[in-house]
C-alpha atoms as a PDB file:
ATOM      1  CA  MET A   1      -2.148   9.607   6.484  1.00  0.00           C
ATOM      2  CA  GLU A   2      -0.151   6.554   7.353  1.00  0.00           C
ATOM      3  CA  ASN A   3       3.490   7.040   6.416  1.00  0.00           C
ATOM      4  CA  THR A   4       4.658   4.941   9.306  1.00  0.00           C
ATOM      5  CA  THR A   5       7.445   2.967  10.852  1.00  0.00           C
ATOM      6  CA  ILE A   6       7.315  -0.490  12.408  1.00  0.00           C
ATOM      7  CA  GLY A   7       5.237  -0.598  15.581  1.00  0.00           C
ATOM      8  CA  MET A   8       2.956   2.325  14.812  1.00  0.00           C
ATOM      9  CA  ASP A   9      -0.807   1.853  14.490  1.00  0.00           C
ATOM     10  CA  ARG A  10      -2.254   2.078  11.015  1.00  0.00           C
ATOM     11  CA  ARG A  11      -5.557   3.681  10.150  1.00  0.00           C
ATOM     12  CA  PRO A  12      -7.958   0.995   8.857  1.00  0.00           C
ATOM     13  CA  ILE A  13      -8.666   1.904   5.217  1.00  0.00           C
ATOM     14  CA  ALA A  14     -10.750  -0.471   3.111  1.00  0.00           C
ATOM     15  CA  THR A  15      -9.433   1.043  -0.133  1.00  0.00           C
ATOM     16  CA  ARG A  16      -5.957  -0.229   0.748  1.00  0.00           C
ATOM     17  CA  SER A  17      -6.962  -3.672  -0.536  1.00  0.00           C
ATOM     18  CA  ALA A  18      -8.341  -2.334  -3.827  1.00  0.00           C
ATOM     19  CA  ARG A  19      -6.446  -3.585  -6.874  1.00  0.00           C
ATOM     20  CA  TRP A  20      -6.028  -0.109  -8.382  1.00  0.00           C
ATOM     21  CA  ALA A  21      -4.537   1.208  -5.126  1.00  0.00           C
ATOM     22  CA  GLN A  22      -2.119  -1.694  -4.869  1.00  0.00           C
ATOM     23  CA  ARG A  23      -0.993  -1.242  -8.469  1.00  0.00           C
ATOM     24  CA  LEU A  24      -0.511   2.494  -8.029  1.00  0.00           C
ATOM     25  CA  ALA A  25       1.443   1.995  -4.803  1.00  0.00           C
ATOM     26  CA  ALA A  26       3.582  -0.695  -6.435  1.00  0.00           C
ATOM     27  CA  GLY A  27       4.335   1.649  -9.319  1.00  0.00           C
ATOM     28  CA  LEU A  28       5.367   4.432  -6.959  1.00  0.00           C
ATOM     29  CA  THR A  29       7.523   2.003  -4.993  1.00  0.00           C
ATOM     30  CA  ARG A  30       9.573   1.341  -8.122  1.00  0.00           C
ATOM     31  CA  THR A  31      10.308   5.066  -8.537  1.00  0.00           C
ATOM     32  CA  SER A  32      12.486   7.422  -6.515  1.00  0.00           C
ATOM     33  CA  VAL A  33       9.416   8.942  -4.877  1.00  0.00           C
ATOM     34  CA  THR A  34       9.497   8.567  -1.085  1.00  0.00           C
ATOM     35  CA  PRO A  35       6.561   8.175   1.324  1.00  0.00           C
ATOM     36  CA  ASN A  36       7.580  11.434   3.006  1.00  0.00           C
ATOM     37  CA  GLN A  37       7.298  13.285  -0.301  1.00  0.00           C
ATOM     38  CA  ILE A  38       3.824  11.838  -0.829  1.00  0.00           C
ATOM     39  CA  SER A  39       2.869  12.983   2.683  1.00  0.00           C
ATOM     40  CA  LEU A  40       4.038  16.519   1.912  1.00  0.00           C
ATOM     41  CA  LEU A  41       2.134  16.479  -1.375  1.00  0.00           C
ATOM     42  CA  SER A  42      -1.087  15.887   0.556  1.00  0.00           C
ATOM     43  CA  ALA A  43      -0.581  19.224   2.323  1.00  0.00           C
ATOM     44  CA  VAL A  44       0.112  20.900  -1.032  1.00  0.00           C
ATOM     45  CA  TRP A  45      -3.196  19.634  -2.427  1.00  0.00           C
ATOM     46  CA  ALA A  46      -4.926  20.896   0.716  1.00  0.00           C
ATOM     47  CA  ALA A  47      -3.383  24.346   0.347  1.00  0.00           C
ATOM     48  CA  ILE A  48      -4.528  24.514  -3.270  1.00  0.00           C
ATOM     49  CA  GLY A  49      -7.986  23.296  -2.301  1.00  0.00           C
ATOM     50  CA  GLY A  50      -8.265  25.816   0.512  1.00  0.00           C
ATOM     51  CA  ALA A  51      -7.321  28.656  -1.832  1.00  0.00           C
ATOM     52  CA  LEU A  52      -9.940  27.494  -4.345  1.00  0.00           C
ATOM     53  CA  LEU A  53     -12.555  27.226  -1.604  1.00  0.00           C
ATOM     54  CA  LEU A  54     -11.812  30.768  -0.536  1.00  0.00           C
ATOM     55  CA  GLN A  55     -11.878  32.035  -4.117  1.00  0.00           C
ATOM     56  CA  GLY A  56     -15.384  30.672  -4.608  1.00  0.00           C
ATOM     57  CA  GLY A  57     -17.393  29.975  -7.720  1.00  0.00           C
ATOM     58  CA  VAL A  58     -18.774  26.792  -9.218  1.00  0.00           C
ATOM     59  CA  ALA A  59     -15.566  25.712 -10.961  1.00  0.00           C
ATOM     60  CA  ALA A  60     -13.431  26.555  -7.921  1.00  0.00           C
ATOM     61  CA  TRP A  61     -15.646  24.558  -5.533  1.00  0.00           C
ATOM     62  CA  ILE A  62     -15.655  21.511  -7.811  1.00  0.00           C
ATOM     63  CA  ALA A  63     -11.864  21.745  -8.148  1.00  0.00           C
ATOM     64  CA  ALA A  64     -11.561  22.086  -4.369  1.00  0.00           C
ATOM     65  CA  ALA A  65     -13.595  18.901  -3.930  1.00  0.00           C
ATOM     66  CA  LEU A  66     -11.127  17.165  -6.261  1.00  0.00           C
ATOM     67  CA  CYS A  67      -8.253  18.469  -4.123  1.00  0.00           C
ATOM     68  CA  VAL A  68      -9.879  16.929  -1.049  1.00  0.00           C
ATOM     69  CA  GLN A  69      -9.868  13.552  -2.756  1.00  0.00           C
ATOM     70  CA  LEU A  70      -6.290  13.977  -3.965  1.00  0.00           C
ATOM     71  CA  ARG A  71      -5.264  14.744  -0.397  1.00  0.00           C
ATOM     72  CA  LEU A  72      -6.901  11.496   0.738  1.00  0.00           C
ATOM     73  CA  LEU A  73      -5.244   9.599  -2.102  1.00  0.00           C
ATOM     74  CA  CYS A  74      -1.855  10.797  -0.880  1.00  0.00           C
ATOM     75  CA  ASN A  75      -2.845   9.770   2.642  1.00  0.00           C
ATOM     76  CA  LEU A  76      -3.541   6.285   1.326  1.00  0.00           C
ATOM     77  CA  LEU A  77      -0.454   5.886  -0.827  1.00  0.00           C
ATOM     78  CA  ASP A  78       2.198   7.206   1.564  1.00  0.00           C
ATOM     79  CA  GLY A  79       1.572   4.384   4.007  1.00  0.00           C
ATOM     80  CA  MET A  80       1.292   1.726   1.322  1.00  0.00           C
ATOM     81  CA  VAL A  81       4.612   2.779  -0.208  1.00  0.00           C
ATOM     82  CA  ALA A  82       6.182   2.954   3.264  1.00  0.00           C
ATOM     83  CA  VAL A  83       4.892  -0.354   4.633  1.00  0.00           C
ATOM     84  CA  GLU A  84       4.029  -2.670   1.757  1.00  0.00           C
ATOM     85  CA  GLY A  85       6.732  -1.091  -0.408  1.00  0.00           C
ATOM     86  CA  GLY A  86       9.345  -1.246   2.345  1.00  0.00           C
ATOM     87  CA  LYS A  87      10.346   2.411   1.954  1.00  0.00           C
ATOM     88  CA  GLY A  88       9.580   3.655   5.468  1.00  0.00           C
ATOM     89  CA  SER A  89      11.954   6.083   7.162  1.00  0.00           C
ATOM     90  CA  PRO A  90      13.005   6.816  10.764  1.00  0.00           C
ATOM     91  CA  VAL A  91      11.190  10.172  10.588  1.00  0.00           C
ATOM     92  CA  GLY A  92       8.061   8.685   9.034  1.00  0.00           C
ATOM     93  CA  ALA A  93       6.098   9.296  12.241  1.00  0.00           C
ATOM     94  CA  LEU A  94       6.639  13.057  11.860  1.00  0.00           C
ATOM     95  CA  TYR A  95       5.478  13.015   8.255  1.00  0.00           C
ATOM     96  CA  ASN A  96       2.578  10.858   9.376  1.00  0.00           C
ATOM     97  CA  GLU A  97       1.115  13.581  11.576  1.00  0.00           C
ATOM     98  CA  ILE A  98       2.356  17.092  10.785  1.00  0.00           C
ATOM     99  CA  PRO A  99       1.250  17.367   7.127  1.00  0.00           C
ATOM    100  CA  ASP A 100      -2.141  15.971   8.144  1.00  0.00           C
ATOM    101  CA  ARG A 101      -2.665  18.747  10.679  1.00  0.00           C
ATOM    102  CA  VAL A 102      -1.569  21.328   8.106  1.00  0.00           C
ATOM    103  CA  ALA A 103      -3.952  19.840   5.534  1.00  0.00           C
ATOM    104  CA  ASP A 104      -6.966  19.914   7.857  1.00  0.00           C
ATOM    105  CA  THR A 105      -6.254  23.543   8.734  1.00  0.00           C
ATOM    106  CA  ALA A 106      -5.694  24.510   5.089  1.00  0.00           C
ATOM    107  CA  PHE A 107      -9.178  23.254   4.215  1.00  0.00           C
ATOM    108  CA  LEU A 108     -11.199  24.188   7.287  1.00  0.00           C
ATOM    109  CA  VAL A 109      -9.999  27.722   8.026  1.00  0.00           C
ATOM    110  CA  PRO A 110     -10.902  28.945   4.505  1.00  0.00           C
ATOM    111  CA  LEU A 111     -14.279  27.238   4.925  1.00  0.00           C
ATOM    112  CA  GLY A 112     -15.103  29.654   7.728  1.00  0.00           C
ATOM    113  CA  TYR A 113     -14.011  32.694   5.753  1.00  0.00           C
ATOM    114  CA  ALA A 114     -15.999  31.487   2.730  1.00  0.00           C
ATOM    115  CA  VAL A 115     -19.249  31.644   4.717  1.00  0.00           C
ATOM    116  CA  GLY A 116     -18.417  34.905   6.491  1.00  0.00           C
ATOM    117  CA  LEU A 117     -17.734  33.263   9.862  1.00  0.00           C
ATOM    118  CA  PRO A 118     -13.954  33.090  10.275  1.00  0.00           C
ATOM    119  CA  TRP A 119     -14.261  31.836  13.849  1.00  0.00           C
ATOM    120  CA  LEU A 120     -16.204  28.789  12.642  1.00  0.00           C
ATOM    121  CA  GLY A 121     -13.371  27.738  10.345  1.00  0.00           C
ATOM    122  CA  TRP A 122     -10.772  28.166  13.075  1.00  0.00           C
ATOM    123  CA  ALA A 123     -12.985  26.302  15.553  1.00  0.00           C
ATOM    124  CA  ALA A 124     -13.489  23.426  13.104  1.00  0.00           C
ATOM    125  CA  ALA A 125      -9.725  23.235  12.477  1.00  0.00           C
ATOM    126  CA  LEU A 126      -8.953  23.235  16.203  1.00  0.00           C
ATOM    127  CA  ALA A 127     -11.603  20.582  16.852  1.00  0.00           C
ATOM    128  CA  ALA A 128     -10.137  18.418  14.090  1.00  0.00           C
ATOM    129  CA  MET A 129      -6.694  18.852  15.616  1.00  0.00           C
ATOM    130  CA  LEU A 130      -8.108  17.848  19.003  1.00  0.00           C
ATOM    131  CA  THR A 131      -9.334  14.532  17.611  1.00  0.00           C
ATOM    132  CA  ALA A 132      -5.812  13.775  16.411  1.00  0.00           C
ATOM    133  CA  TYR A 133      -4.288  14.868  19.715  1.00  0.00           C
ATOM    134  CA  VAL A 134      -6.532  12.531  21.694  1.00  0.00           C
ATOM    135  CA  ARG A 135      -5.789   9.646  19.314  1.00  0.00           C
ATOM    136  CA  VAL A 136      -2.017  10.102  19.530  1.00  0.00           C
ATOM    137  CA  PHE A 137      -2.191  10.662  23.300  1.00  0.00           C
ATOM    138  CA  GLY A 138      -3.896   7.305  23.676  1.00  0.00           C
ATOM    139  CA  GLY A 139      -1.034   5.766  21.749  1.00  0.00           C
ATOM    140  CA  ALA A 140       1.472   7.510  24.029  1.00  0.00           C
ATOM    141  CA  LEU A 141      -0.232   5.811  26.972  1.00  0.00           C
ATOM    142  CA  GLY A 142       0.467   2.456  25.405  1.00  0.00           C
ATOM    143  CA  LEU A 143      -3.007   1.896  23.970  1.00  0.00           C
ATOM    144  CA  ALA A 144      -3.939   1.136  20.392  1.00  0.00           C
ATOM    145  CA  GLN A 145      -4.735   4.405  18.639  1.00  0.00           C
ATOM    146  CA  ASP A 146      -8.451   4.971  18.119  1.00  0.00           C
ATOM    147  CA  PHE A 147      -9.134   6.064  14.533  1.00  0.00           C
ATOM    148  CA  GLY A 148     -12.913   5.855  14.912  1.00  0.00           C
ATOM    149  CA  GLY A 149     -15.575   8.416  15.682  1.00  0.00           C
ATOM    150  CA  VAL A 150     -18.429  10.180  13.930  1.00  0.00           C
ATOM    151  CA  MET A 151     -16.053  12.744  12.404  1.00  0.00           C
ATOM    152  CA  ALA A 152     -12.725  10.987  11.905  1.00  0.00           C
ATOM    153  CA  LYS A 153     -10.535  12.308   9.085  1.00  0.00           C
ATOM    154  CA  GLN A 154     -12.166  10.391   6.232  1.00  0.00           C
ATOM    155  CA  ARG A 155     -15.609  11.482   7.390  1.00  0.00           C
ATOM    156  CA  ARG A 156     -14.520  15.108   7.754  1.00  0.00           C
ATOM    157  CA  MET A 157     -13.201  15.061   4.233  1.00  0.00           C
ATOM    158  CA  ALA A 158     -16.284  13.235   2.950  1.00  0.00           C
ATOM    159  CA  ALA A 159     -18.510  15.884   4.529  1.00  0.00           C
ATOM    160  CA  LEU A 160     -16.397  18.637   2.984  1.00  0.00           C
ATOM    161  CA  THR A 161     -16.427  16.999  -0.457  1.00  0.00           C
ATOM    162  CA  VAL A 162     -20.218  16.610  -0.432  1.00  0.00           C
ATOM    163  CA  ALA A 163     -20.629  20.191   0.792  1.00  0.00           C
ATOM    164  CA  LEU A 164     -18.406  21.583  -1.951  1.00  0.00           C
ATOM    165  CA  LEU A 165     -20.275  19.743  -4.689  1.00  0.00           C
ATOM    166  CA  ALA A 166     -23.639  20.693  -3.161  1.00  0.00           C
ATOM    167  CA  GLN A 167     -22.439  24.285  -2.894  1.00  0.00           C
ATOM    168  CA  ALA A 168     -21.688  24.376  -6.615  1.00  0.00           C
ATOM    169  CA  VAL A 169     -25.289  23.351  -7.315  1.00  0.00           C
ATOM    170  CA  GLU A 170     -26.717  25.655  -4.634  1.00  0.00           C
ATOM    171  CA  HIS A 171     -24.829  28.656  -5.955  1.00  0.00           C
ATOM    172  CA  THR A 172     -26.064  27.999  -9.479  1.00  0.00           C
ATOM    173  CA  LEU A 173     -29.688  27.748  -8.367  1.00  0.00           C
ATOM    174  CA  TRP A 174     -29.968  30.248  -5.535  1.00  0.00           C
ATOM    175  CA  GLY A 175     -26.653  32.043  -5.043  1.00  0.00           C
ATOM    176  CA  THR A 176     -26.490  31.121  -1.347  1.00  0.00           C
ATOM    177  CA  ARG A 177     -23.852  29.287   0.721  1.00  0.00           C
ATOM    178  CA  PHE A 178     -25.827  27.185   3.176  1.00  0.00           C
ATOM    179  CA  SER A 179     -24.077  23.957   2.103  1.00  0.00           C
ATOM    180  CA  LEU A 180     -20.674  25.246   3.197  1.00  0.00           C
ATOM    181  CA  LEU A 181     -22.141  26.756   6.361  1.00  0.00           C
ATOM    182  CA  ALA A 182     -23.749  23.455   7.325  1.00  0.00           C
ATOM    183  CA  ALA A 183     -20.474  21.634   6.665  1.00  0.00           C
ATOM    184  CA  GLY A 184     -18.609  23.975   8.996  1.00  0.00           C
ATOM    185  CA  TRP A 185     -21.012  23.325  11.852  1.00  0.00           C
ATOM    186  CA  ILE A 186     -21.189  19.580  11.205  1.00  0.00           C
ATOM    187  CA  ILE A 187     -17.407  19.188  11.057  1.00  0.00           C
ATOM    188  CA  MET A 188     -16.840  21.289  14.171  1.00  0.00           C
ATOM    189  CA  GLY A 189     -19.560  19.599  16.225  1.00  0.00           C
ATOM    190  CA  GLY A 190     -18.732  16.132  14.963  1.00  0.00           C
ATOM    191  CA  SER A 191     -15.021  16.599  15.661  1.00  0.00           C
ATOM    192  CA  LEU A 192     -15.717  17.712  19.222  1.00  0.00           C
ATOM    193  CA  LEU A 193     -17.948  14.675  19.703  1.00  0.00           C
ATOM    194  CA  THR A 194     -15.255  12.432  18.247  1.00  0.00           C
ATOM    195  CA  ALA A 195     -12.645  13.861  20.615  1.00  0.00           C
ATOM    196  CA  ALA A 196     -15.014  13.267  23.541  1.00  0.00           C
ATOM    197  CA  THR A 197     -15.811   9.659  22.599  1.00  0.00           C
ATOM    198  CA  ARG A 198     -12.139   8.880  22.016  1.00  0.00           C
ATOM    199  CA  THR A 199     -11.285  10.350  25.418  1.00  0.00           C
ATOM    200  CA  LEU A 200     -13.973   8.262  27.090  1.00  0.00           C
ATOM    201  CA  GLY A 201     -12.662   5.202  25.260  1.00  0.00           C
ATOM    202  CA  ILE A 202      -9.154   5.834  26.567  1.00  0.00           C
ATOM    203  CA  ALA A 203     -10.458   6.210  30.121  1.00  0.00           C
ATOM    204  CA  ARG A 204     -12.453   2.995  29.810  1.00  0.00           C
ATOM    205  CA  ARG A 205      -9.476   0.999  28.519  1.00  0.00           C
ATOM    206  CA  LEU A 206      -7.199   2.392  31.213  1.00  0.00           C
ATOM    207  CA  ASN A 207      -9.711   1.353  33.880  1.00  0.00           C
ATOM    208  CA  VAL A 208      -9.926  -2.119  32.354  1.00  0.00           C
ATOM    209  CA  GLN A 209      -6.132  -2.385  32.428  1.00  0.00           C
ATOM    210  CA  ARG A 210      -6.090  -1.350  36.086  1.00  0.00           C
ATOM    211  CA  LEU A 211      -8.729  -3.903  37.026  1.00  0.00           C
ATOM    212  CA  GLU A 212      -6.946  -6.663  35.137  1.00  0.00           C
ATOM    213  CA  SER A 213      -3.639  -5.820  36.814  1.00  0.00           C
ATOM    214  CA  HIS A 214      -5.290  -6.308  40.221  1.00  0.00           C
ATOM    215  CA  ARG A 215      -6.806  -9.678  39.409  1.00  0.00           C
ATOM    216  CA  PRO A 216      -5.315 -12.522  41.544  1.00  0.00           C
ATOM    217  CA  GLU A 217      -4.025 -14.413  38.499  1.00  0.00           C
ATOM    218  CA  ALA A 218      -2.286 -11.248  37.277  1.00  0.00           C
ATOM    219  CA  ARG A 219      -0.328 -11.035  40.560  1.00  0.00           C
ATOM    220  CA  SER A 220       0.588 -14.719  40.706  1.00  0.00           C
END
């Protein structure tokens, strides 16, 4: 999500330069729809997707995978309408983060319940939230926010989408739920690793800043 105000870091998204995305964003810019409303809609799609995931069944899992992609589409368009469309707001930073955390939780907690391991869903959601916390904390220290990592948001949602589609096939063939179970572990472990690598990156950049501030030319 990137509903942002001037001066905030933007998540690098290759799709932002796609012609279809630019046309869709331009069309939304000409309407009364605001970036904040698009941000909130992303959380609505996540809530619907989480409910479908929990409900289970081939059709529900395929529909949930679609909801994941609709959530990401909202995450793309809110920033484009705000920045390129010039419709940003003073509270855009709040809408940039809070609906995203709600959306991650709405998808990942039901994932744990769907495989009979509620703690796994909560752990995955908390780990995802930790990656965002570390990223924003780096920004609060004056560093560029780090959107990378093995399980950044787009990769979490990609893993979930693939798992949901694979689960629909798996259920049809064998009636098991190993695809969703694997996704829960991968997202949790990958998010923890992402939080760790982002933390190490912050420490490294802070040390570089300290060394540069003590160089003779920096003091002259």
